[in-house]
Amino acid sequence: MNSAPSRPDYIRLRTALLANAAFSFLCGSVLTLLSARIGSVLGENVPGLIVETIGIALVPFGLFAAWVATRRFPPMTLALFISVADLAWVVGSMVLIAIARDALSGAGLGLVGVVALVVFAFAAGQLRGIAHAYRPNPGEPRQIRVCIAVHTAGDAETVWRNVADMGNMARFAPVLATSAMRDGETPQVGAVRECSDHAQRRWAERCSRLDASRRELDVEFLAHEPGFPFPFVALRGGWRVQSESTGAVVSIWWEGTLRHAMLAAVLPVLLAWQARRQFAVVVGRMAMGELSKTSVPPTLLSVVPS
């Protein structure tokens, strides 16, 4: 398996976000400018002030969605937030129809329902776009791939030496409680590292590649072992350390098959978010040989789907 990052496909996500942005901005503008008239259409007791307030809120929401869509690397946490907000709108609309049926006119009920359906379509399209961006194989909806790249001013050989010392990972990763080689093995292809975190979750990783000349380490998580704590039926990962003029760039990746396809739009975003918080610190400590939790993290170059 090639551990180098490939170019993610954001087209579906961008399309859904831009459509959402245009619709939200248009609706917000109309609701703001024609609040009294639309309020009367919704129902004779619907205050125009409420309609205007909703419209004023929708305009910046639309602009925000457009901003997210037009980034070179769309922030996936923000794209997921927008999707959750859309779903909240749909739920709120259904609740409104259920509890305020008598206060709304027939046209008002239809308008609220139609808008909810449109917003649900945007949310579904955005979630599909997020999942697609993290998918290494378009034909496998349960597969995801996440890669982060971290820059450090430290020496690449120092970082690699600590990466290759598999059993001592817990010395550099605050999230880990323990890490050790199973049966006292030395780090090599076929050797197994056992890890645990502070939540008392335990798992094991078998080394599938250890190439000192290319500074690459790949592992296969033993997902078949009892008690494997992550929602994958198969999971691989790896490290790649490269020298550059100002230090080193460390790429860290994970690729796996989820137990449930419905997690494909959420879990990789959370994995990337967690990696963003953790691995800049880990790489910084590896580069400096610094075990203090107060060490300053290096620059995170990117957190991209693949």
C-alpha atoms as a PDB file:
ATOM      1  CA  MET A   1       0.000   0.000   0.000  1.00  0.00           C
ATOM      2  CA  ASN A   2       1.230   3.449  -0.872  1.00  0.00           C
ATOM      3  CA  SER A   3       1.366   5.543   2.278  1.00  0.00           C
ATOM      4  CA  ALA A   4       1.768   8.841   0.426  1.00  0.00           C
ATOM      5  CA  PRO A   5      -1.239  11.174   0.438  1.00  0.00           C
ATOM      6  CA  SER A   6      -3.324  11.381  -2.733  1.00  0.00           C
ATOM      7  CA  ARG A   7      -5.556  14.212  -3.906  1.00  0.00           C
ATOM      8  CA  PRO A   8      -8.965  14.220  -2.196  1.00  0.00           C
ATOM      9  CA  ASP A   9     -12.131  14.761  -4.232  1.00  0.00           C
ATOM     10  CA  TYR A  10     -14.186  17.649  -2.839  1.00  0.00           C
ATOM     11  CA  ILE A  11     -16.449  18.208  -5.871  1.00  0.00           C
ATOM     12  CA  ARG A  12     -19.574  16.630  -4.381  1.00  0.00           C
ATOM     13  CA  LEU A  13     -19.143  18.396  -1.074  1.00  0.00           C
ATOM     14  CA  ARG A  14     -18.490  21.766  -2.708  1.00  0.00           C
ATOM     15  CA  THR A  15     -21.550  21.381  -4.950  1.00  0.00           C
ATOM     16  CA  ALA A  16     -23.853  20.567  -2.029  1.00  0.00           C
ATOM     17  CA  LEU A  17     -22.462  23.361   0.135  1.00  0.00           C
ATOM     18  CA  LEU A  18     -22.708  25.969  -2.622  1.00  0.00           C
ATOM     19  CA  ALA A  19     -26.288  24.962  -3.408  1.00  0.00           C
ATOM     20  CA  ASN A  20     -27.087  25.185   0.296  1.00  0.00           C
ATOM     21  CA  ALA A  21     -25.372  28.582   0.490  1.00  0.00           C
ATOM     22  CA  ALA A  22     -27.320  30.003  -2.455  1.00  0.00           C
ATOM     23  CA  PHE A  23     -30.643  28.687  -1.162  1.00  0.00           C
ATOM     24  CA  SER A  24     -30.013  29.934   2.391  1.00  0.00           C
ATOM     25  CA  PHE A  25     -28.896  33.372   1.210  1.00  0.00           C
ATOM     26  CA  LEU A  26     -31.869  33.711  -1.147  1.00  0.00           C
ATOM     27  CA  CYS A  27     -34.391  32.544   1.448  1.00  0.00           C
ATOM     28  CA  GLY A  28     -32.833  34.754   4.101  1.00  0.00           C
ATOM     29  CA  SER A  29     -33.017  37.803   1.869  1.00  0.00           C
ATOM     30  CA  VAL A  30     -36.642  37.150   0.883  1.00  0.00           C
ATOM     31  CA  LEU A  31     -37.709  36.474   4.481  1.00  0.00           C
ATOM     32  CA  THR A  32     -35.998  39.652   5.652  1.00  0.00           C
ATOM     33  CA  LEU A  33     -37.391  41.920   2.938  1.00  0.00           C
ATOM     34  CA  LEU A  34     -40.895  40.437   2.801  1.00  0.00           C
ATOM     35  CA  SER A  35     -41.308  39.317   6.405  1.00  0.00           C
ATOM     36  CA  ALA A  36     -44.791  40.734   6.933  1.00  0.00           C
ATOM     37  CA  ARG A  37     -46.204  39.304   3.705  1.00  0.00           C
ATOM     38  CA  ILE A  38     -44.659  35.865   4.241  1.00  0.00           C
ATOM     39  CA  GLY A  39     -45.856  35.867   7.841  1.00  0.00           C
ATOM     40  CA  SER A  40     -49.424  36.359   6.627  1.00  0.00           C
ATOM     41  CA  VAL A  41     -49.023  33.495   4.159  1.00  0.00           C
ATOM     42  CA  LEU A  42     -47.778  31.186   6.909  1.00  0.00           C
ATOM     43  CA  GLY A  43     -50.697  32.016   9.153  1.00  0.00           C
ATOM     44  CA  GLU A  44     -52.665  35.012  10.322  1.00  0.00           C
ATOM     45  CA  ASN A  45     -51.138  34.809  13.806  1.00  0.00           C
ATOM     46  CA  VAL A  46     -47.515  34.415  12.703  1.00  0.00           C
ATOM     47  CA  PRO A  47     -45.600  37.592  13.660  1.00  0.00           C
ATOM     48  CA  GLY A  48     -43.540  39.141  10.895  1.00  0.00           C
ATOM     49  CA  LEU A  49     -40.754  39.763  13.432  1.00  0.00           C
ATOM     50  CA  ILE A  50     -40.165  36.015  13.804  1.00  0.00           C
ATOM     51  CA  VAL A  51     -39.981  35.601  10.032  1.00  0.00           C
ATOM     52  CA  GLU A  52     -37.570  38.533   9.771  1.00  0.00           C
ATOM     53  CA  THR A  53     -35.348  37.123  12.544  1.00  0.00           C
ATOM     54  CA  ILE A  54     -35.114  33.781  10.754  1.00  0.00           C
ATOM     55  CA  GLY A  55     -34.247  35.560   7.525  1.00  0.00           C
ATOM     56  CA  ILE A  56     -31.525  37.642   9.171  1.00  0.00           C
ATOM     57  CA  ALA A  57     -29.994  34.443  10.583  1.00  0.00           C
ATOM     58  CA  LEU A  58     -30.076  32.627   7.235  1.00  0.00           C
ATOM     59  CA  VAL A  59     -28.074  35.257   5.344  1.00  0.00           C
ATOM     60  CA  PRO A  60     -24.806  34.825   7.329  1.00  0.00           C
ATOM     61  CA  PHE A  61     -25.402  31.055   7.417  1.00  0.00           C
ATOM     62  CA  GLY A  62     -25.451  31.044   3.624  1.00  0.00           C
ATOM     63  CA  LEU A  63     -22.299  33.155   3.443  1.00  0.00           C
ATOM     64  CA  PHE A  64     -20.613  30.836   5.936  1.00  0.00           C
ATOM     65  CA  ALA A  65     -21.515  27.743   3.877  1.00  0.00           C
ATOM     66  CA  ALA A  66     -20.101  29.439   0.769  1.00  0.00           C
ATOM     67  CA  TRP A  67     -16.875  30.268   2.613  1.00  0.00           C
ATOM     68  CA  VAL A  68     -16.440  26.644   3.708  1.00  0.00           C
ATOM     69  CA  ALA A  69     -17.139  25.377   0.176  1.00  0.00           C
ATOM     70  CA  THR A  70     -14.559  27.644  -1.447  1.00  0.00           C
ATOM     71  CA  ARG A  71     -11.584  26.795   0.775  1.00  0.00           C
ATOM     72  CA  ARG A  72      -8.753  24.899  -0.927  1.00  0.00           C
ATOM     73  CA  PHE A  73      -9.217  22.190   1.717  1.00  0.00           C
ATOM     74  CA  PRO A  74     -12.808  22.600   2.964  1.00  0.00           C
ATOM     75  CA  PRO A  75     -12.766  22.325   6.786  1.00  0.00           C
ATOM     76  CA  MET A  76     -14.538  19.041   7.324  1.00  0.00           C
ATOM     77  CA  THR A  77     -15.518  19.793  10.918  1.00  0.00           C
ATOM     78  CA  LEU A  78     -17.322  22.923   9.691  1.00  0.00           C
ATOM     79  CA  ALA A  79     -18.936  21.024   6.805  1.00  0.00           C
ATOM     80  CA  LEU A  80     -20.199  18.469   9.320  1.00  0.00           C
ATOM     81  CA  PHE A  81     -21.434  21.287  11.574  1.00  0.00           C
ATOM     82  CA  ILE A  82     -23.403  22.791   8.679  1.00  0.00           C
ATOM     83  CA  SER A  83     -24.922  19.387   7.925  1.00  0.00           C
ATOM     84  CA  VAL A  84     -25.936  18.894  11.557  1.00  0.00           C
ATOM     85  CA  ALA A  85     -27.453  22.403  11.582  1.00  0.00           C
ATOM     86  CA  ASP A  86     -29.463  21.506   8.476  1.00  0.00           C
ATOM     87  CA  LEU A  87     -30.737  18.333  10.123  1.00  0.00           C
ATOM     88  CA  ALA A  88     -31.656  20.356  13.206  1.00  0.00           C
ATOM     89  CA  TRP A  89     -33.685  22.660  10.932  1.00  0.00           C
ATOM     90  CA  VAL A  90     -35.514  19.633   9.526  1.00  0.00           C
ATOM     91  CA  VAL A  91     -36.295  18.281  12.995  1.00  0.00           C
ATOM     92  CA  GLY A  92     -37.413  21.721  14.145  1.00  0.00           C
ATOM     93  CA  SER A  93     -39.680  22.031  11.124  1.00  0.00           C
ATOM     94  CA  MET A  94     -41.311  18.687  11.866  1.00  0.00           C
ATOM     95  CA  VAL A  95     -41.838  19.697  15.486  1.00  0.00           C
ATOM     96  CA  LEU A  96     -43.326  23.011  14.325  1.00  0.00           C
ATOM     97  CA  ILE A  97     -45.755  21.249  12.012  1.00  0.00           C
ATOM     98  CA  ALA A  98     -46.746  18.871  14.805  1.00  0.00           C
ATOM     99  CA  ILE A  99     -47.332  21.422  17.572  1.00  0.00           C
ATOM    100  CA  ALA A 100     -48.432  24.480  15.593  1.00  0.00           C
ATOM    101  CA  ARG A 101     -50.634  22.883  12.970  1.00  0.00           C
ATOM    102  CA  ASP A 102     -53.655  24.959  13.964  1.00  0.00           C
ATOM    103  CA  ALA A 103     -51.694  28.236  13.868  1.00  0.00           C
ATOM    104  CA  LEU A 104     -50.389  27.650  10.348  1.00  0.00           C
ATOM    105  CA  SER A 105     -52.386  27.945   7.173  1.00  0.00           C
ATOM    106  CA  GLY A 106     -52.471  25.178   4.591  1.00  0.00           C
ATOM    107  CA  ALA A 107     -50.009  27.134   2.479  1.00  0.00           C
ATOM    108  CA  GLY A 108     -47.866  27.685   5.557  1.00  0.00           C
ATOM    109  CA  LEU A 109     -47.752  23.968   6.365  1.00  0.00           C
ATOM    110  CA  GLY A 110     -46.821  23.196   2.775  1.00  0.00           C
ATOM    111  CA  LEU A 111     -44.117  25.864   2.705  1.00  0.00           C
ATOM    112  CA  VAL A 112     -42.526  24.673   5.949  1.00  0.00           C
ATOM    113  CA  GLY A 113     -42.611  21.068   4.726  1.00  0.00           C
ATOM    114  CA  VAL A 114     -41.142  21.826   1.302  1.00  0.00           C
ATOM    115  CA  VAL A 115     -38.304  23.895   2.754  1.00  0.00           C
ATOM    116  CA  ALA A 116     -37.566  21.094   5.235  1.00  0.00           C
ATOM    117  CA  LEU A 117     -37.337  18.585   2.384  1.00  0.00           C
ATOM    118  CA  VAL A 118     -34.963  20.857   0.454  1.00  0.00           C
ATOM    119  CA  VAL A 119     -32.782  21.407   3.511  1.00  0.00           C
ATOM    120  CA  PHE A 120     -32.746  17.645   4.177  1.00  0.00           C
ATOM    121  CA  ALA A 121     -31.545  17.100   0.606  1.00  0.00           C
ATOM    122  CA  PHE A 122     -28.699  19.554   1.222  1.00  0.00           C
ATOM    123  CA  ALA A 123     -27.729  17.798   4.463  1.00  0.00           C
ATOM    124  CA  ALA A 124     -27.786  14.387   2.776  1.00  0.00           C
ATOM    125  CA  GLY A 125     -25.726  15.681  -0.148  1.00  0.00           C
ATOM    126  CA  GLN A 126     -23.161  17.257   2.158  1.00  0.00           C
ATOM    127  CA  LEU A 127     -22.831  14.098   4.246  1.00  0.00           C
ATOM    128  CA  ARG A 128     -22.397  12.038   1.080  1.00  0.00           C
ATOM    129  CA  GLY A 129     -19.798  14.555  -0.094  1.00  0.00           C
ATOM    130  CA  ILE A 130     -17.864  14.289   3.167  1.00  0.00           C
ATOM    131  CA  ALA A 131     -17.913  10.499   2.999  1.00  0.00           C
ATOM    132  CA  HIS A 132     -16.833  10.553  -0.659  1.00  0.00           C
ATOM    133  CA  ALA A 133     -13.872  12.815   0.099  1.00  0.00           C
ATOM    134  CA  TYR A 134     -12.567  10.345   2.680  1.00  0.00           C
ATOM    135  CA  ARG A 135     -13.206   7.284   0.489  1.00  0.00           C
ATOM    136  CA  PRO A 136     -10.100   5.784  -1.187  1.00  0.00           C
ATOM    137  CA  ASN A 137     -12.194   3.478  -3.371  1.00  0.00           C
ATOM    138  CA  PRO A 138     -15.427   4.927  -4.826  1.00  0.00           C
ATOM    139  CA  GLY A 139     -16.995   1.480  -4.935  1.00  0.00           C
ATOM    140  CA  GLU A 140     -16.507   0.772  -1.228  1.00  0.00           C
ATOM    141  CA  PRO A 141     -18.821   2.972   0.881  1.00  0.00           C
ATOM    142  CA  ARG A 142     -17.480   1.602   4.164  1.00  0.00           C
ATOM    143  CA  GLN A 143     -13.828   2.410   3.407  1.00  0.00           C
ATOM    144  CA  ILE A 144     -12.202   5.615   4.656  1.00  0.00           C
ATOM    145  CA  ARG A 145      -8.724   7.112   4.524  1.00  0.00           C
ATOM    146  CA  VAL A 146      -7.389   9.983   6.638  1.00  0.00           C
ATOM    147  CA  CYS A 147      -3.922  11.524   6.396  1.00  0.00           C
ATOM    148  CA  ILE A 148      -2.330  14.371   8.327  1.00  0.00           C
ATOM    149  CA  ALA A 149       0.957  16.129   7.601  1.00  0.00           C
ATOM    150  CA  VAL A 150       2.973  17.775  10.364  1.00  0.00           C
ATOM    151  CA  HIS A 151       6.011  20.026   9.931  1.00  0.00           C
ATOM    152  CA  THR A 152       8.694  20.171  12.588  1.00  0.00           C
ATOM    153  CA  ALA A 153      11.963  22.081  12.718  1.00  0.00           C
ATOM    154  CA  GLY A 154      13.551  19.004  14.273  1.00  0.00           C
ATOM    155  CA  ASP A 155      15.798  16.485  12.584  1.00  0.00           C
ATOM    156  CA  ALA A 156      14.109  13.835  10.412  1.00  0.00           C
ATOM    157  CA  GLU A 157      16.439  11.094  11.624  1.00  0.00           C
ATOM    158  CA  THR A 158      15.586  11.841  15.238  1.00  0.00           C
ATOM    159  CA  VAL A 159      11.876  11.666  14.490  1.00  0.00           C
ATOM    160  CA  TRP A 160      12.291   8.453  12.518  1.00  0.00           C
ATOM    161  CA  ARG A 161      14.335   6.809  15.258  1.00  0.00           C
ATOM    162  CA  ASN A 162      11.519   7.409  17.728  1.00  0.00           C
ATOM    163  CA  VAL A 163       8.828   6.306  15.250  1.00  0.00           C
ATOM    164  CA  ALA A 164      10.700   3.071  14.531  1.00  0.00           C
ATOM    165  CA  ASP A 165      11.098   2.380  18.256  1.00  0.00           C
ATOM    166  CA  MET A 166       7.567   1.025  18.235  1.00  0.00           C
ATOM    167  CA  GLY A 167       7.335  -0.159  21.814  1.00  0.00           C
ATOM    168  CA  ASN A 168       8.093   3.273  23.244  1.00  0.00           C
ATOM    169  CA  MET A 169       5.292   5.190  21.518  1.00  0.00           C
ATOM    170  CA  ALA A 170       3.585   5.901  24.851  1.00  0.00           C
ATOM    171  CA  ARG A 171       6.587   8.007  25.878  1.00  0.00           C
ATOM    172  CA  PHE A 172       5.657  10.544  23.219  1.00  0.00           C
ATOM    173  CA  ALA A 173       1.862  10.169  22.920  1.00  0.00           C
ATOM    174  CA  PRO A 174       0.038  11.578  25.960  1.00  0.00           C
ATOM    175  CA  VAL A 175      -3.169   9.805  24.922  1.00  0.00           C
ATOM    176  CA  LEU A 176      -1.516   6.404  25.436  1.00  0.00           C
ATOM    177  CA  ALA A 177      -1.252   4.867  28.872  1.00  0.00           C
ATOM    178  CA  THR A 178       1.024   2.015  27.775  1.00  0.00           C
ATOM    179  CA  SER A 179       2.770   0.647  24.678  1.00  0.00           C
ATOM    180  CA  ALA A 180       5.026  -2.391  24.459  1.00  0.00           C
ATOM    181  CA  MET A 181       6.107  -5.080  22.045  1.00  0.00           C
ATOM    182  CA  ARG A 182       4.264  -8.350  22.516  1.00  0.00           C
ATOM    183  CA  ASP A 183       6.424 -11.184  23.878  1.00  0.00           C
ATOM    184  CA  GLY A 184       9.404  -8.828  24.098  1.00  0.00           C
ATOM    185  CA  GLU A 185       9.921  -8.803  20.324  1.00  0.00           C
ATOM    186  CA  THR A 186      12.155  -6.233  18.673  1.00  0.00           C
ATOM    187  CA  PRO A 187      10.540  -3.834  16.187  1.00  0.00           C
ATOM    188  CA  GLN A 188      10.500  -5.635  12.825  1.00  0.00           C
ATOM    189  CA  VAL A 189       8.055  -6.800  10.193  1.00  0.00           C
ATOM    190  CA  GLY A 190       5.644  -9.219  11.838  1.00  0.00           C
ATOM    191  CA  ALA A 191       6.228  -7.945  15.378  1.00  0.00           C
ATOM    192  CA  VAL A 192       3.167  -6.808  17.347  1.00  0.00           C
ATOM    193  CA  ARG A 193       2.830  -3.675  19.460  1.00  0.00           C
ATOM    194  CA  GLU A 194       0.213  -3.663  22.222  1.00  0.00           C
ATOM    195  CA  CYS A 195      -1.276  -0.332  23.292  1.00  0.00           C
ATOM    196  CA  SER A 196      -3.766   0.975  25.821  1.00  0.00           C
ATOM    197  CA  ASP A 197      -5.168   4.436  26.459  1.00  0.00           C
ATOM    198  CA  HIS A 198      -6.323   6.173  29.616  1.00  0.00           C
ATOM    199  CA  ALA A 199      -9.899   5.021  28.978  1.00  0.00           C
ATOM    200  CA  GLN A 200      -8.589   1.443  29.427  1.00  0.00           C
ATOM    201  CA  ARG A 201      -9.170   0.535  25.797  1.00  0.00           C
ATOM    202  CA  ARG A 202      -6.656  -1.996  24.484  1.00  0.00           C
ATOM    203  CA  TRP A 203      -5.606  -2.954  20.971  1.00  0.00           C
ATOM    204  CA  ALA A 204      -2.671  -4.408  19.049  1.00  0.00           C
ATOM    205  CA  GLU A 205      -0.872  -3.456  15.821  1.00  0.00           C
ATOM    206  CA  ARG A 206       1.285  -5.742  13.682  1.00  0.00           C
ATOM    207  CA  CYS A 207       4.186  -4.163  11.805  1.00  0.00           C
ATOM    208  CA  SER A 208       3.704  -4.807   8.084  1.00  0.00           C
ATOM    209  CA  ARG A 209       6.520  -2.560   6.826  1.00  0.00           C
ATOM    210  CA  LEU A 210       9.611  -1.052   8.410  1.00  0.00           C
ATOM    211  CA  ASP A 211      11.785   0.659   5.798  1.00  0.00           C
ATOM    212  CA  ALA A 212      14.591   2.669   7.370  1.00  0.00           C
ATOM    213  CA  SER A 213      15.929   3.864   4.007  1.00  0.00           C
ATOM    214  CA  ARG A 214      12.590   5.500   3.163  1.00  0.00           C
ATOM    215  CA  ARG A 215      11.688   6.196   6.789  1.00  0.00           C
ATOM    216  CA  GLU A 216       8.326   4.446   6.481  1.00  0.00           C
ATOM    217  CA  LEU A 217       6.475   2.369   9.043  1.00  0.00           C
ATOM    218  CA  ASP A 218       3.161   0.637   8.300  1.00  0.00           C
ATOM    219  CA  VAL A 219       1.031  -1.287  10.781  1.00  0.00           C
ATOM    220  CA  GLU A 220      -2.052  -3.456  10.614  1.00  0.00           C
ATOM    221  CA  PHE A 221      -4.449  -3.173  13.538  1.00  0.00           C
ATOM    222  CA  LEU A 222      -5.525  -6.596  14.796  1.00  0.00           C
ATOM    223  CA  ALA A 223      -9.228  -5.857  14.513  1.00  0.00           C
ATOM    224  CA  HIS A 224     -10.117  -9.548  14.762  1.00  0.00           C
ATOM    225  CA  GLU A 225      -8.795  -9.866  18.310  1.00  0.00           C
ATOM    226  CA  PRO A 226     -11.401  -9.869  21.110  1.00  0.00           C
ATOM    227  CA  GLY A 227     -12.150  -6.478  22.593  1.00  0.00           C
ATOM    228  CA  PHE A 228     -10.918  -4.385  19.653  1.00  0.00           C
ATOM    229  CA  PRO A 229     -12.340  -0.984  20.654  1.00  0.00           C
ATOM    230  CA  PHE A 230     -12.694   0.805  17.312  1.00  0.00           C
ATOM    231  CA  PRO A 231     -15.639   0.498  14.845  1.00  0.00           C
ATOM    232  CA  PHE A 232     -13.606  -1.088  12.047  1.00  0.00           C
ATOM    233  CA  VAL A 233     -13.551  -4.594  10.632  1.00  0.00           C
ATOM    234  CA  ALA A 234     -10.107  -3.847   9.153  1.00  0.00           C
ATOM    235  CA  LEU A 235      -7.726  -0.973   9.814  1.00  0.00           C
ATOM    236  CA  ARG A 236      -4.208  -0.072   8.696  1.00  0.00           C
ATOM    237  CA  GLY A 237      -2.014   2.930   9.368  1.00  0.00           C
ATOM    238  CA  GLY A 238       1.472   4.254   8.982  1.00  0.00           C
ATOM    239  CA  TRP A 239       4.106   6.953   9.294  1.00  0.00           C
ATOM    240  CA  ARG A 240       6.318   8.582   6.678  1.00  0.00           C
ATOM    241  CA  VAL A 241       9.158  10.921   7.694  1.00  0.00           C
ATOM    242  CA  GLN A 242      10.737  13.159   5.050  1.00  0.00           C
ATOM    243  CA  SER A 243      13.535  15.695   5.305  1.00  0.00           C
ATOM    244  CA  GLU A 244      13.097  19.267   4.082  1.00  0.00           C
ATOM    245  CA  SER A 245      15.240  22.374   4.190  1.00  0.00           C
ATOM    246  CA  THR A 246      13.703  23.657   7.424  1.00  0.00           C
ATOM    247  CA  GLY A 247      13.333  20.342   9.239  1.00  0.00           C
ATOM    248  CA  ALA A 248      11.032  17.420   8.541  1.00  0.00           C
ATOM    249  CA  VAL A 249       7.531  16.647   7.332  1.00  0.00           C
ATOM    250  CA  VAL A 250       5.788  13.704   8.973  1.00  0.00           C
ATOM    251  CA  SER A 251       2.779  12.122   7.251  1.00  0.00           C
ATOM    252  CA  ILE A 252       0.538   9.901   9.364  1.00  0.00           C
ATOM    253  CA  TRP A 253      -2.332   7.967   7.767  1.00  0.00           C
ATOM    254  CA  TRP A 254      -5.094   5.522   8.530  1.00  0.00           C
ATOM    255  CA  GLU A 255      -7.168   3.442   6.117  1.00  0.00           C
ATOM    256  CA  GLY A 256      -9.862   1.005   7.076  1.00  0.00           C
ATOM    257  CA  THR A 257     -13.249  -0.599   6.525  1.00  0.00           C
ATOM    258  CA  LEU A 258     -15.982   0.548   8.875  1.00  0.00           C
ATOM    259  CA  ARG A 259     -18.467  -1.794  10.469  1.00  0.00           C
ATOM    260  CA  HIS A 260     -21.311   0.461   9.313  1.00  0.00           C
ATOM    261  CA  ALA A 261     -21.380   2.640   6.179  1.00  0.00           C
ATOM    262  CA  MET A 262     -23.451   5.273   7.988  1.00  0.00           C
ATOM    263  CA  LEU A 263     -20.339   6.205  10.005  1.00  0.00           C
ATOM    264  CA  ALA A 264     -18.407   7.194   6.870  1.00  0.00           C
ATOM    265  CA  ALA A 265     -19.456  10.855   6.998  1.00  0.00           C
ATOM    266  CA  VAL A 266     -18.839  11.303  10.739  1.00  0.00           C
ATOM    267  CA  LEU A 267     -16.065   9.041  12.002  1.00  0.00           C
ATOM    268  CA  PRO A 268     -13.284  10.230   9.653  1.00  0.00           C
ATOM    269  CA  VAL A 269     -14.052  13.849  10.557  1.00  0.00           C
ATOM    270  CA  LEU A 270     -13.745  13.002  14.249  1.00  0.00           C
ATOM    271  CA  LEU A 271     -10.591  10.971  13.591  1.00  0.00           C
ATOM    272  CA  ALA A 272      -9.001  13.882  11.725  1.00  0.00           C
ATOM    273  CA  TRP A 273     -10.045  16.314  14.461  1.00  0.00           C
ATOM    274  CA  GLN A 274      -8.532  14.087  17.134  1.00  0.00           C
ATOM    275  CA  ALA A 275      -5.371  13.611  15.086  1.00  0.00           C
ATOM    276  CA  ARG A 276      -5.074  17.372  14.712  1.00  0.00           C
ATOM    277  CA  ARG A 277      -5.121  17.771  18.492  1.00  0.00           C
ATOM    278  CA  GLN A 278      -2.739  14.934  19.273  1.00  0.00           C
ATOM    279  CA  PHE A 279      -0.121  14.332  16.618  1.00  0.00           C
ATOM    280  CA  ALA A 280       1.403  17.779  16.339  1.00  0.00           C
ATOM    281  CA  VAL A 281       2.344  17.344  19.995  1.00  0.00           C
ATOM    282  CA  VAL A 282       3.556  13.775  19.422  1.00  0.00           C
ATOM    283  CA  VAL A 283       5.776  14.760  16.491  1.00  0.00           C
ATOM    284  CA  GLY A 284       7.123  17.746  18.381  1.00  0.00           C
ATOM    285  CA  ARG A 285       8.111  15.579  21.324  1.00  0.00           C
ATOM    286  CA  MET A 286       9.686  13.014  19.027  1.00  0.00           C
ATOM    287  CA  ALA A 287      11.717  15.681  17.237  1.00  0.00           C
ATOM    288  CA  MET A 288      13.011  17.240  20.440  1.00  0.00           C
ATOM    289  CA  GLY A 289      13.319  14.115  22.521  1.00  0.00           C
ATOM    290  CA  GLU A 290      11.142  16.075  24.911  1.00  0.00           C
ATOM    291  CA  LEU A 291       8.883  14.106  27.214  1.00  0.00           C
ATOM    292  CA  SER A 292       7.383  17.109  28.979  1.00  0.00           C
ATOM    293  CA  LYS A 293       3.691  17.666  28.254  1.00  0.00           C
ATOM    294  CA  THR A 294       4.427  21.383  28.040  1.00  0.00           C
ATOM    295  CA  SER A 295       6.569  21.046  24.903  1.00  0.00           C
ATOM    296  CA  VAL A 296       5.548  23.420  22.112  1.00  0.00           C
ATOM    297  CA  PRO A 297       3.930  21.582  19.158  1.00  0.00           C
ATOM    298  CA  PRO A 298       5.193  22.132  15.609  1.00  0.00           C
ATOM    299  CA  THR A 299       3.116  23.497  12.760  1.00  0.00           C
ATOM    300  CA  LEU A 300       0.305  21.315  11.451  1.00  0.00           C
ATOM    301  CA  LEU A 301       0.538  21.598   7.679  1.00  0.00           C
ATOM    302  CA  SER A 302      -2.706  19.892   6.798  1.00  0.00           C
ATOM    303  CA  VAL A 303      -5.399  17.488   7.855  1.00  0.00           C
ATOM    304  CA  VAL A 304      -6.851  16.086   4.653  1.00  0.00           C
ATOM    305  CA  PRO A 305      -9.036  13.087   3.844  1.00  0.00           C
ATOM    306  CA  SER A 306      -6.390  11.274   1.824  1.00  0.00           C
END
